C-alpha cells in the first residue's frame, strides 16, 4: 500500500467517525475579583475552537464550558489568561433536542 493511500484511509475514518459527543468541562477559576471578570473569561473560553458556550460564575469560582468532544480541556485552561484555571470535571453533554 502506498503511504498516501494509508493516510487517505485514516483521514476518511476520522471524518466518518467525527469528534464524538459534546462534552461539559467544569473549570475551577481563581483570581476573579468581581462579576466584571465573568464576561472576560467567557470570551477567552469561547475563543477556543470547538467551544459552543461558556458560563462563568465569580461567586462559584467556576466556568462551565460546553464544547465539541475533541476539545482538549488543557486548551481551555491555557486560554484563561490572567487567572488560575484547573479542570474540575469532564462529562458527556446530554444530547440536544
N, C-alpha and C. Protein backbone atom coordinates (compact mmCIF):
# COMPACT_ATOMS: atom_id res chain seq x y z
N UNK A 1 0.85 -1.17 0.00
CA UNK A 1 0.00 0.00 0.00
C UNK A 1 0.90 1.24 0.00
N UNK A 2 0.55 2.20 -0.82
CA UNK A 2 1.31 3.44 -0.86
C UNK A 2 0.97 4.27 0.38
N UNK A 3 1.95 5.02 0.89
CA UNK A 3 1.68 5.83 2.09
C UNK A 3 0.53 6.80 1.91
N UNK A 4 0.34 7.35 0.72
CA UNK A 4 -0.75 8.32 0.52
C UNK A 4 -2.10 7.64 0.66
N UNK A 5 -2.20 6.38 0.21
CA UNK A 5 -3.46 5.67 0.36
C UNK A 5 -3.76 5.38 1.83
N UNK A 6 -2.75 5.00 2.59
CA UNK A 6 -2.95 4.73 4.01
C UNK A 6 -3.37 6.00 4.73
N UNK A 7 -2.74 7.10 4.42
CA UNK A 7 -3.09 8.37 5.05
C UNK A 7 -4.51 8.76 4.68
N UNK A 8 -4.90 8.56 3.43
CA UNK A 8 -6.25 8.87 3.00
C UNK A 8 -7.27 8.04 3.77
N UNK A 9 -6.97 6.77 3.98
CA UNK A 9 -7.88 5.89 4.71
C UNK A 9 -8.05 6.37 6.15
N UNK A 10 -6.98 6.80 6.79
CA UNK A 10 -7.06 7.29 8.16
C UNK A 10 -7.87 8.57 8.22
N UNK A 11 -7.66 9.48 7.28
CA UNK A 11 -8.40 10.74 7.25
C UNK A 11 -9.89 10.46 7.05
N UNK A 12 -10.23 9.56 6.16
CA UNK A 12 -11.63 9.23 5.92
C UNK A 12 -12.27 8.61 7.16
N UNK A 13 -11.54 7.79 7.87
CA UNK A 13 -12.05 7.17 9.09
C UNK A 13 -12.34 8.23 10.15
N UNK A 14 -11.45 9.18 10.32
CA UNK A 14 -11.65 10.24 11.30
C UNK A 14 -12.85 11.10 10.94
N UNK A 15 -12.99 11.45 9.66
CA UNK A 15 -14.11 12.26 9.22
C UNK A 15 -15.42 11.50 9.40
N UNK A 16 -15.42 10.22 9.09
CA UNK A 16 -16.64 9.42 9.20
C UNK A 16 -17.08 9.26 10.65
N UNK A 17 -16.13 9.10 11.55
CA UNK A 17 -16.46 8.88 12.96
C UNK A 17 -16.77 10.19 13.69
N UNK A 18 -16.17 11.27 13.27
CA UNK A 18 -16.41 12.56 13.91
C UNK A 18 -15.72 12.65 15.25
N UNK A 19 -15.85 13.80 15.91
CA UNK A 19 -15.16 14.03 17.18
C UNK A 19 -15.85 13.44 18.39
N UNK A 20 -16.99 12.81 18.23
CA UNK A 20 -17.71 12.26 19.36
C UNK A 20 -18.72 13.25 19.91
N UNK A 21 -19.42 12.86 20.96
CA UNK A 21 -20.45 13.74 21.52
C UNK A 21 -19.83 14.96 22.20
N UNK A 22 -20.64 16.00 22.32
CA UNK A 22 -20.19 17.19 23.04
C UNK A 22 -19.88 16.82 24.49
N UNK A 23 -19.03 17.66 25.09
CA UNK A 23 -18.67 17.45 26.49
C UNK A 23 -18.95 18.72 27.29
N UNK A 24 -19.12 18.53 28.57
CA UNK A 24 -19.20 19.64 29.51
C UNK A 24 -17.93 19.59 30.35
N UNK A 25 -17.19 20.69 30.33
CA UNK A 25 -15.97 20.78 31.11
C UNK A 25 -16.19 21.85 32.17
N UNK A 26 -16.01 21.48 33.43
CA UNK A 26 -16.14 22.43 34.53
C UNK A 26 -14.73 22.80 34.99
N UNK A 27 -14.44 24.09 34.97
CA UNK A 27 -13.14 24.59 35.39
C UNK A 27 -13.29 25.33 36.72
N UNK A 28 -12.35 25.11 37.62
CA UNK A 28 -12.23 25.96 38.80
C UNK A 28 -11.45 27.19 38.37
N UNK A 29 -11.94 28.37 38.75
CA UNK A 29 -11.30 29.63 38.37
C UNK A 29 -10.95 30.40 39.64
N UNK A 30 -9.69 30.73 39.80
CA UNK A 30 -9.22 31.53 40.93
C UNK A 30 -8.69 32.86 40.41
N UNK A 31 -8.80 33.89 41.21
CA UNK A 31 -8.23 35.18 40.86
C UNK A 31 -9.23 36.19 40.34
N UNK A 32 -10.52 35.84 40.33
CA UNK A 32 -11.52 36.82 39.92
C UNK A 32 -11.79 37.74 41.11
N UNK A 33 -12.09 38.99 40.81
CA UNK A 33 -12.31 39.97 41.88
C UNK A 33 -13.76 40.43 41.97
N UNK A 34 -14.50 40.29 40.86
CA UNK A 34 -15.90 40.72 40.86
C UNK A 34 -16.60 40.12 39.64
N UNK A 35 -17.88 40.40 39.51
CA UNK A 35 -18.65 39.84 38.39
C UNK A 35 -18.20 40.40 37.04
N UNK A 36 -17.47 41.52 37.04
CA UNK A 36 -16.98 42.08 35.78
C UNK A 36 -15.96 41.17 35.11
N UNK A 37 -15.37 40.25 35.86
CA UNK A 37 -14.41 39.30 35.29
C UNK A 37 -15.12 38.21 34.46
N UNK A 38 -16.37 37.96 34.76
CA UNK A 38 -17.10 36.86 34.11
C UNK A 38 -17.12 36.96 32.59
N UNK A 39 -17.54 38.09 31.99
CA UNK A 39 -17.58 38.14 30.53
C UNK A 39 -16.19 38.05 29.89
N UNK A 40 -15.18 38.56 30.57
CA UNK A 40 -13.82 38.49 30.02
C UNK A 40 -13.35 37.04 29.93
N UNK A 41 -13.60 36.27 30.97
CA UNK A 41 -13.20 34.86 30.97
C UNK A 41 -14.04 34.08 29.97
N UNK A 42 -15.33 34.35 29.90
CA UNK A 42 -16.20 33.68 28.94
C UNK A 42 -15.72 33.93 27.51
N UNK A 43 -15.30 35.16 27.23
CA UNK A 43 -14.80 35.49 25.90
C UNK A 43 -13.51 34.72 25.59
N UNK A 44 -12.63 34.60 26.57
CA UNK A 44 -11.40 33.82 26.36
C UNK A 44 -11.75 32.37 26.02
N UNK A 45 -12.69 31.81 26.74
CA UNK A 45 -13.05 30.41 26.53
C UNK A 45 -13.76 30.18 25.20
N UNK A 46 -14.66 31.10 24.84
CA UNK A 46 -15.37 30.91 23.57
C UNK A 46 -14.47 31.17 22.37
N UNK A 47 -13.29 31.71 22.61
CA UNK A 47 -12.31 31.88 21.54
C UNK A 47 -11.60 30.59 21.17
N UNK A 48 -11.76 29.55 21.98
CA UNK A 48 -11.15 28.24 21.68
C UNK A 48 -12.02 27.54 20.65
N UNK A 49 -11.40 27.06 19.58
CA UNK A 49 -12.15 26.38 18.53
C UNK A 49 -12.87 25.15 19.10
N UNK A 50 -14.14 25.03 18.78
CA UNK A 50 -14.94 23.90 19.23
C UNK A 50 -15.79 24.20 20.46
N UNK A 51 -15.56 25.36 21.10
CA UNK A 51 -16.36 25.73 22.27
C UNK A 51 -17.70 26.26 21.80
N UNK A 52 -18.77 25.69 22.32
CA UNK A 52 -20.13 26.09 21.94
C UNK A 52 -20.66 27.20 22.87
N UNK A 53 -20.32 27.10 24.17
CA UNK A 53 -20.75 28.12 25.12
C UNK A 53 -19.87 28.04 26.37
N UNK A 54 -19.84 29.16 27.08
CA UNK A 54 -19.10 29.21 28.35
C UNK A 54 -19.87 30.11 29.31
N UNK A 55 -20.15 29.59 30.48
CA UNK A 55 -20.84 30.34 31.52
C UNK A 55 -19.89 30.43 32.71
N UNK A 56 -19.62 31.65 33.15
CA UNK A 56 -18.66 31.88 34.23
C UNK A 56 -19.37 32.47 35.43
N UNK A 57 -19.03 31.97 36.61
CA UNK A 57 -19.61 32.49 37.85
C UNK A 57 -18.49 32.90 38.80
N UNK A 58 -18.43 34.20 39.09
CA UNK A 58 -17.46 34.69 40.07
C UNK A 58 -17.79 34.11 41.45
N UNK A 59 -19.05 34.07 41.81
CA UNK A 59 -19.46 33.59 43.13
C UNK A 59 -19.09 32.12 43.34
N UNK A 60 -19.30 31.30 42.32
CA UNK A 60 -18.99 29.87 42.42
C UNK A 60 -17.53 29.58 42.08
N UNK A 61 -16.82 30.58 41.58
CA UNK A 61 -15.41 30.43 41.16
C UNK A 61 -15.27 29.28 40.17
N UNK A 62 -16.16 29.30 39.14
CA UNK A 62 -16.12 28.24 38.15
C UNK A 62 -16.55 28.74 36.78
N UNK A 63 -16.17 27.95 35.78
CA UNK A 63 -16.65 28.15 34.42
C UNK A 63 -17.18 26.81 33.94
N UNK A 64 -18.35 26.84 33.32
CA UNK A 64 -18.94 25.64 32.74
C UNK A 64 -18.91 25.82 31.23
N UNK A 65 -18.18 24.93 30.56
CA UNK A 65 -17.94 25.05 29.12
C UNK A 65 -18.58 23.86 28.41
N UNK A 66 -19.38 24.14 27.38
CA UNK A 66 -19.91 23.10 26.51
C UNK A 66 -19.08 23.16 25.24
N UNK A 67 -18.49 22.02 24.87
CA UNK A 67 -17.59 22.02 23.72
C UNK A 67 -17.68 20.70 22.96
N UNK A 68 -17.11 20.72 21.77
CA UNK A 68 -17.03 19.51 20.96
C UNK A 68 -16.20 18.47 21.71
N UNK A 69 -16.47 17.21 21.43
CA UNK A 69 -15.79 16.13 22.13
C UNK A 69 -14.30 16.07 21.91
N UNK A 70 -13.81 16.72 20.85
CA UNK A 70 -12.37 16.67 20.57
C UNK A 70 -11.59 17.85 21.13
N UNK A 71 -12.25 18.74 21.88
CA UNK A 71 -11.55 19.87 22.50
C UNK A 71 -10.78 19.34 23.71
N UNK A 72 -9.50 19.69 23.77
CA UNK A 72 -8.65 19.27 24.88
C UNK A 72 -8.89 20.20 26.07
N UNK A 73 -9.29 19.69 27.22
CA UNK A 73 -9.50 20.56 28.38
C UNK A 73 -8.27 21.41 28.73
N UNK A 74 -7.08 20.92 28.42
CA UNK A 74 -5.86 21.70 28.67
C UNK A 74 -5.85 22.98 27.84
N UNK A 75 -6.45 22.95 26.66
CA UNK A 75 -6.55 24.15 25.83
C UNK A 75 -7.47 25.19 26.49
N UNK A 76 -8.50 24.73 27.18
CA UNK A 76 -9.39 25.64 27.89
C UNK A 76 -8.66 26.30 29.05
N UNK A 77 -7.90 25.51 29.79
CA UNK A 77 -7.11 26.05 30.91
C UNK A 77 -6.12 27.09 30.39
N UNK A 78 -5.44 26.77 29.29
CA UNK A 78 -4.44 27.68 28.72
C UNK A 78 -5.07 28.98 28.21
N UNK A 79 -6.33 28.93 27.81
CA UNK A 79 -7.00 30.11 27.27
C UNK A 79 -7.34 31.14 28.34
N UNK A 80 -7.42 30.71 29.59
CA UNK A 80 -7.80 31.61 30.68
C UNK A 80 -6.55 32.34 31.17
N UNK A 81 -6.23 33.43 30.50
CA UNK A 81 -5.02 34.21 30.78
C UNK A 81 -5.30 35.23 31.89
N UNK A 82 -4.42 35.29 32.87
CA UNK A 82 -4.57 36.26 33.95
C UNK A 82 -5.31 35.73 35.17
N UNK A 83 -5.77 34.49 35.08
CA UNK A 83 -6.46 33.84 36.19
C UNK A 83 -5.89 32.44 36.33
N UNK A 84 -6.14 31.80 37.44
CA UNK A 84 -5.70 30.41 37.62
C UNK A 84 -6.89 29.50 37.35
N UNK A 85 -6.74 28.65 36.35
CA UNK A 85 -7.82 27.73 35.99
C UNK A 85 -7.32 26.29 36.10
N UNK A 86 -8.20 25.41 36.52
CA UNK A 86 -7.89 23.98 36.56
C UNK A 86 -9.16 23.21 36.26
N UNK A 87 -8.99 22.01 35.72
CA UNK A 87 -10.13 21.17 35.34
C UNK A 87 -10.66 20.48 36.60
N UNK A 88 -11.94 20.68 36.87
CA UNK A 88 -12.60 20.01 37.98
C UNK A 88 -13.30 18.73 37.51
N UNK A 89 -13.97 18.83 36.34
CA UNK A 89 -14.80 17.70 35.89
C UNK A 89 -14.98 17.77 34.38
N UNK A 90 -15.01 16.59 33.77
CA UNK A 90 -15.32 16.46 32.34
C UNK A 90 -16.37 15.38 32.21
N UNK A 91 -17.48 15.68 31.53
CA UNK A 91 -18.53 14.68 31.35
C UNK A 91 -19.17 14.85 29.98
N UNK A 92 -19.84 13.84 29.54
CA UNK A 92 -20.53 13.88 28.24
C UNK A 92 -21.79 14.73 28.39
N UNK A 93 -21.99 15.65 27.45
CA UNK A 93 -23.17 16.50 27.47
C UNK A 93 -24.39 15.69 27.05
N UNK A 94 -25.54 15.98 27.62
CA UNK A 94 -26.76 15.29 27.18
C UNK A 94 -27.05 15.67 25.72
N UNK A 95 -27.63 14.74 24.97
CA UNK A 95 -27.94 15.06 23.57
C UNK A 95 -28.89 16.25 23.47
N UNK A 96 -28.64 17.11 22.49
CA UNK A 96 -29.54 18.26 22.30
C UNK A 96 -30.78 17.80 21.57
N UNK A 97 -31.88 18.44 21.88
CA UNK A 97 -33.15 18.04 21.26
C UNK A 97 -33.50 18.94 20.14
